[in-house]
Amino acid sequence: MNERNTTAAIILGISLVLAALIGAYSFYRVHTLGNTLSVTGSATATTTADTARWTVTVSRTAFESTIASTQNAVSRDSQAVVDFFTAAGVDADKIQVNPVQADQQYSNDQNAPVKYSVHQDVTMNSDNVRLVDSLSKKIASLADKGIFLSAGQPQYMISTLPQIRISLIGKAVTDAKARAEEIAKSTGQRVGPLQSAAGGVVQVMSPNSVDVSDYGSYDTSTIDKQVMVTARAVFQVR
């Protein structure tokens, strides 16, 4: 065997030894760290919103010469919205009327007269979510009185969300253990004591929704809701 072949054989031999050592180390590492199993579990609950927040904006267009009179008209429109709420049973102290604002409308036509959008927000809060839902379907009737308004979707929220989250974390850990047991069973192992657990983000969704986020989600568009909580649990396996 010439010198070149001898050198190649030595290099090949060293490579095989290193590969074997790395393989042995990897097996040992997997074996020693494989005595725990990390699993994510989840738990859900159906609930209904118990608070609502809704903003209605009244607006009119004005020219420079009519800003003052338009602001007065917008204030009257806002009072009509307030009266609409209180007549339906909303407490006056739950209604907030913001100051009137006037924003200039810019135009590419420099010869066009300067116009302004004069608007005012009326926001109400209520724990009668069904009433708010009903009012949101009737607010358009104010248009028959010559009131120009825009009303977004009411926001429906859960005031007891922290308590619901706490009640679901334990169930999520139980679900994680059931999943861990199925995984361990497939490898001929058994799940031992819980080593650690951490609650994940909260997902507040509309019924039957799968719109979740890694950072949590909070859908406010519906009264009926589904709350999901996740928990990551680490179990000893043997």
Protein backbone atom coordinates (compact mmCIF):
# COMPACT_ATOMS: atom_id res chain seq x y z
CA MET A 1 0.00 0.00 0.00
CA ASN A 2 1.54 3.33 -1.04
CA GLU A 3 1.74 6.37 1.22
CA ARG A 4 -1.32 8.07 -0.29
CA ASN A 5 -3.52 4.99 0.26
CA THR A 6 -2.20 4.60 3.78
CA THR A 7 -3.08 8.19 4.59
CA ALA A 8 -6.57 7.80 3.14
CA ALA A 9 -7.13 4.64 5.17
CA ILE A 10 -6.04 6.39 8.37
CA ILE A 11 -8.38 9.34 7.69
CA LEU A 12 -11.25 6.95 6.96
CA GLY A 13 -10.59 5.04 10.15
CA ILE A 14 -10.52 8.20 12.25
CA SER A 15 -13.78 9.37 10.64
CA LEU A 16 -15.51 6.09 11.48
CA VAL A 17 -14.33 6.26 15.09
CA LEU A 18 -15.55 9.87 15.43
CA ALA A 19 -18.89 8.95 13.89
CA ALA A 20 -19.28 6.09 16.35
CA LEU A 21 -18.41 8.35 19.29
CA ILE A 22 -20.89 11.01 18.15
CA GLY A 23 -23.56 8.36 17.72
CA ALA A 24 -22.92 6.97 21.18
CA TYR A 25 -23.06 10.46 22.70
CA SER A 26 -26.31 11.26 20.93
CA PHE A 27 -27.90 8.05 22.18
CA TYR A 28 -26.80 8.80 25.72
CA ARG A 29 -28.10 12.36 25.50
CA VAL A 30 -31.49 11.28 24.20
CA HIS A 31 -31.71 8.58 26.80
CA THR A 32 -30.88 10.82 29.75
CA LEU A 33 -33.19 13.63 28.63
CA GLY A 34 -35.92 11.27 27.55
CA ASN A 35 -37.20 10.65 31.09
CA THR A 36 -39.54 13.63 30.78
CA LEU A 37 -42.32 14.37 28.33
CA SER A 38 -43.60 17.88 27.55
CA VAL A 39 -47.19 18.03 26.34
CA THR A 40 -49.66 20.85 25.70
CA GLY A 41 -53.26 20.35 26.80
CA SER A 42 -56.32 22.52 26.36
CA ALA A 43 -59.72 23.10 27.90
CA THR A 44 -62.72 25.05 26.68
CA ALA A 45 -65.87 26.53 28.15
CA THR A 46 -68.89 28.19 26.62
CA THR A 47 -70.08 31.42 28.18
CA THR A 48 -71.87 34.66 27.35
CA ALA A 49 -70.70 38.24 27.49
CA ASP A 50 -72.00 40.27 30.43
CA THR A 51 -70.84 43.77 29.47
CA ALA A 52 -71.10 45.78 26.27
CA ARG A 53 -69.56 48.96 24.92
CA TRP A 54 -70.89 50.73 21.84
CA THR A 55 -69.88 53.96 20.10
CA VAL A 56 -72.15 55.87 17.72
CA THR A 57 -70.70 58.75 15.73
CA VAL A 58 -72.84 61.59 14.37
CA SER A 59 -71.36 63.78 11.65
CA ARG A 60 -72.13 66.54 9.17
CA THR A 61 -70.15 68.36 6.48
CA ALA A 62 -69.54 72.09 6.86
CA PHE A 63 -67.90 74.95 5.03
CA GLU A 64 -65.83 77.61 6.78
CA SER A 65 -68.83 79.90 6.96
CA THR A 66 -71.12 77.26 8.45
CA ILE A 67 -68.87 75.55 11.02
CA ALA A 68 -70.59 77.12 14.02
CA SER A 69 -74.12 76.25 12.90
CA THR A 70 -73.02 72.75 11.88
CA GLN A 71 -71.45 72.15 15.28
CA ASN A 72 -74.77 73.10 16.89
CA ALA A 73 -76.57 70.69 14.56
CA VAL A 74 -74.17 67.89 15.46
CA SER A 75 -74.72 68.57 19.16
CA ARG A 76 -78.47 68.25 18.62
CA ASP A 77 -77.92 64.98 16.75
CA SER A 78 -75.82 63.65 19.61
CA GLN A 79 -78.55 64.55 22.09
CA ALA A 80 -81.02 62.60 19.95
CA VAL A 81 -78.74 59.54 20.24
CA VAL A 82 -78.52 60.01 24.01
CA ASP A 83 -82.32 60.27 24.20
CA PHE A 84 -82.57 57.11 22.09
CA PHE A 85 -80.43 55.26 24.64
CA THR A 86 -82.10 56.58 27.78
CA ALA A 87 -85.60 55.96 26.40
CA ALA A 88 -84.60 52.30 25.99
CA GLY A 89 -83.49 52.06 29.62
CA VAL A 90 -79.77 52.86 29.50
CA ASP A 91 -78.67 54.82 32.57
CA ALA A 92 -77.55 58.36 31.77
CA ASP A 93 -74.34 57.92 33.79
CA LYS A 94 -73.38 55.05 31.45
CA ILE A 95 -73.38 57.36 28.43
CA GLN A 96 -70.34 59.44 27.49
CA VAL A 97 -70.52 62.27 24.96
CA ASN A 98 -67.15 63.40 23.60
CA PRO A 99 -66.48 67.00 22.49
CA VAL A 100 -67.43 68.04 18.96
CA GLN A 101 -64.52 67.91 16.52
CA ALA A 102 -64.02 69.51 13.12
CA ASP A 103 -61.50 68.01 10.70
CA GLN A 104 -60.60 69.66 7.42
CA GLN A 105 -61.25 67.61 4.29
CA TYR A 106 -58.36 68.05 1.90
CA SER A 107 -58.88 68.12 -1.86
CA ASN A 108 -56.58 68.05 -4.88
CA ASP A 109 -58.69 70.82 -6.41
CA GLN A 110 -57.21 74.01 -5.01
CA ASN A 111 -60.17 76.00 -6.29
CA ALA A 112 -62.67 73.90 -4.37
CA PRO A 113 -64.18 75.48 -1.22
CA VAL A 114 -62.70 74.27 2.05
CA LYS A 115 -64.86 71.64 3.70
CA TYR A 116 -64.86 70.25 7.22
CA SER A 117 -66.14 67.02 8.74
CA VAL A 118 -67.84 67.92 12.00
CA HIS A 119 -68.42 64.88 14.20
CA GLN A 120 -69.08 63.75 17.75
CA ASP A 121 -68.87 60.34 19.44
CA VAL A 122 -71.51 59.02 21.84
CA THR A 123 -70.35 55.95 23.78
CA MET A 124 -72.50 53.85 26.06
CA ASN A 125 -71.66 51.01 28.43
CA SER A 126 -74.17 48.49 29.70
CA ASP A 127 -74.36 45.14 31.45
CA ASN A 128 -77.58 44.42 29.56
CA VAL A 129 -75.98 42.92 26.46
CA ARG A 130 -79.28 41.82 24.94
CA LEU A 131 -80.57 45.39 25.12
CA VAL A 132 -77.46 46.68 23.37
CA ASP A 133 -77.85 44.06 20.67
CA SER A 134 -81.47 45.12 20.17
CA LEU A 135 -80.56 48.83 20.01
CA SER A 136 -77.85 48.16 17.43
CA LYS A 137 -80.54 46.82 15.13
CA LYS A 138 -82.81 49.84 15.67
CA ILE A 139 -80.37 52.75 15.60
CA ALA A 140 -80.92 53.22 11.87
CA SER A 141 -84.39 54.57 12.67
CA LEU A 142 -82.72 57.85 13.67
CA ALA A 143 -81.86 58.41 10.03
CA ASP A 144 -85.55 59.05 9.42
CA LYS A 145 -85.13 62.15 11.60
CA GLY A 146 -82.38 63.50 9.39
CA ILE A 147 -79.54 62.41 11.67
CA PHE A 148 -76.35 61.35 9.91
CA LEU A 149 -74.60 58.70 11.95
CA SER A 150 -72.28 55.74 11.74
CA ALA A 151 -72.49 52.95 14.28
CA GLY A 152 -69.91 50.23 14.49
CA GLN A 153 -70.40 46.78 15.92
CA PRO A 154 -70.99 46.76 19.69
CA GLN A 155 -68.17 45.21 21.69
CA TYR A 156 -69.28 42.33 23.91
CA MET A 157 -66.91 41.38 26.73
CA ILE A 158 -66.65 38.99 29.69
CA SER A 159 -65.99 40.59 33.08
CA THR A 160 -65.34 37.20 34.73
CA LEU A 161 -62.63 36.12 32.27
CA PRO A 162 -59.87 35.87 34.96
CA GLN A 163 -61.98 33.45 37.00
CA ILE A 164 -62.85 31.39 33.93
CA ARG A 165 -59.18 31.17 33.01
CA ILE A 166 -58.28 29.86 36.47
CA SER A 167 -61.00 27.22 36.33
CA LEU A 168 -59.80 26.02 32.93
CA ILE A 169 -56.07 25.77 33.66
CA GLY A 170 -56.52 22.69 35.86
CA LYS A 171 -58.62 21.02 33.18
CA ALA A 172 -55.99 21.85 30.57
CA VAL A 173 -53.30 20.15 32.67
CA THR A 174 -55.56 17.11 33.04
CA ASP A 175 -55.96 17.04 29.27
CA ALA A 176 -52.18 17.31 28.87
CA LYS A 177 -51.71 14.29 31.16
CA ALA A 178 -54.20 12.24 29.13
CA ARG A 179 -52.29 13.09 25.96
CA ALA A 180 -48.97 12.27 27.63
CA GLU A 181 -50.31 8.87 28.69
CA GLU A 182 -51.29 8.05 25.11
CA ILE A 183 -47.87 9.08 23.84
CA ALA A 184 -46.06 7.14 26.55
CA LYS A 185 -48.20 4.06 25.94
CA SER A 186 -47.13 3.96 22.31
CA THR A 187 -43.48 3.73 23.43
CA GLY A 188 -44.06 1.19 26.22
CA GLN A 189 -43.56 3.74 28.99
CA ARG A 190 -45.70 5.06 31.81
CA VAL A 191 -46.35 8.64 32.88
CA GLY A 192 -44.98 9.56 36.28
CA PRO A 193 -45.37 12.64 38.48
CA LEU A 194 -45.92 16.11 37.09
CA GLN A 195 -42.64 18.00 36.99
CA SER A 196 -43.87 21.45 35.98
CA ALA A 197 -46.81 23.21 34.37
CA ALA A 198 -47.41 26.63 32.86
CA GLY A 199 -50.62 28.22 31.65
CA GLY A 200 -50.71 29.48 28.08
CA VAL A 201 -52.59 32.29 26.39
CA VAL A 202 -56.36 32.72 26.49
CA GLN A 203 -58.44 32.51 23.34
CA VAL A 204 -61.88 34.16 23.46
CA MET A 205 -63.67 33.14 20.29
CA SER A 206 -67.08 33.17 18.74
CA PRO A 207 -68.87 29.78 18.90
CA ASN A 208 -67.35 27.09 16.65
CA SER A 209 -64.51 29.40 15.65
CA VAL A 210 -60.95 28.17 15.12
CA ASP A 211 -59.46 31.66 14.83
CA VAL A 212 -56.66 31.42 17.40
CA SER A 213 -53.40 33.30 17.81
CA ASP A 214 -50.05 32.51 19.40
CA TYR A 215 -50.48 35.67 21.44
CA GLY A 216 -54.10 35.02 22.41
CA SER A 217 -57.26 36.42 20.89
CA TYR A 218 -60.37 38.23 22.08
CA ASP A 219 -63.35 38.31 19.74
CA THR A 220 -65.83 40.99 20.84
CA SER A 221 -68.31 40.67 17.99
CA THR A 222 -70.65 38.07 19.55
CA ILE A 223 -72.52 37.71 22.83
CA ASP A 224 -72.09 33.94 22.96
CA LYS A 225 -68.45 32.98 23.30
CA GLN A 226 -66.09 30.06 23.61
CA VAL A 227 -63.08 30.42 25.90
CA MET A 228 -60.06 28.17 25.42
CA VAL A 229 -57.01 27.94 27.67
CA THR A 230 -53.86 25.94 27.00
CA ALA A 231 -51.31 24.60 29.47
CA ARG A 232 -47.89 23.10 28.88
CA ALA A 233 -47.07 20.32 31.32
CA VAL A 234 -43.89 18.29 31.79
CA PHE A 235 -44.26 14.76 33.17
CA GLN A 236 -41.73 12.20 34.26
CA VAL A 237 -41.87 9.01 32.22
CA ARG A 238 -40.50 5.59 33.16
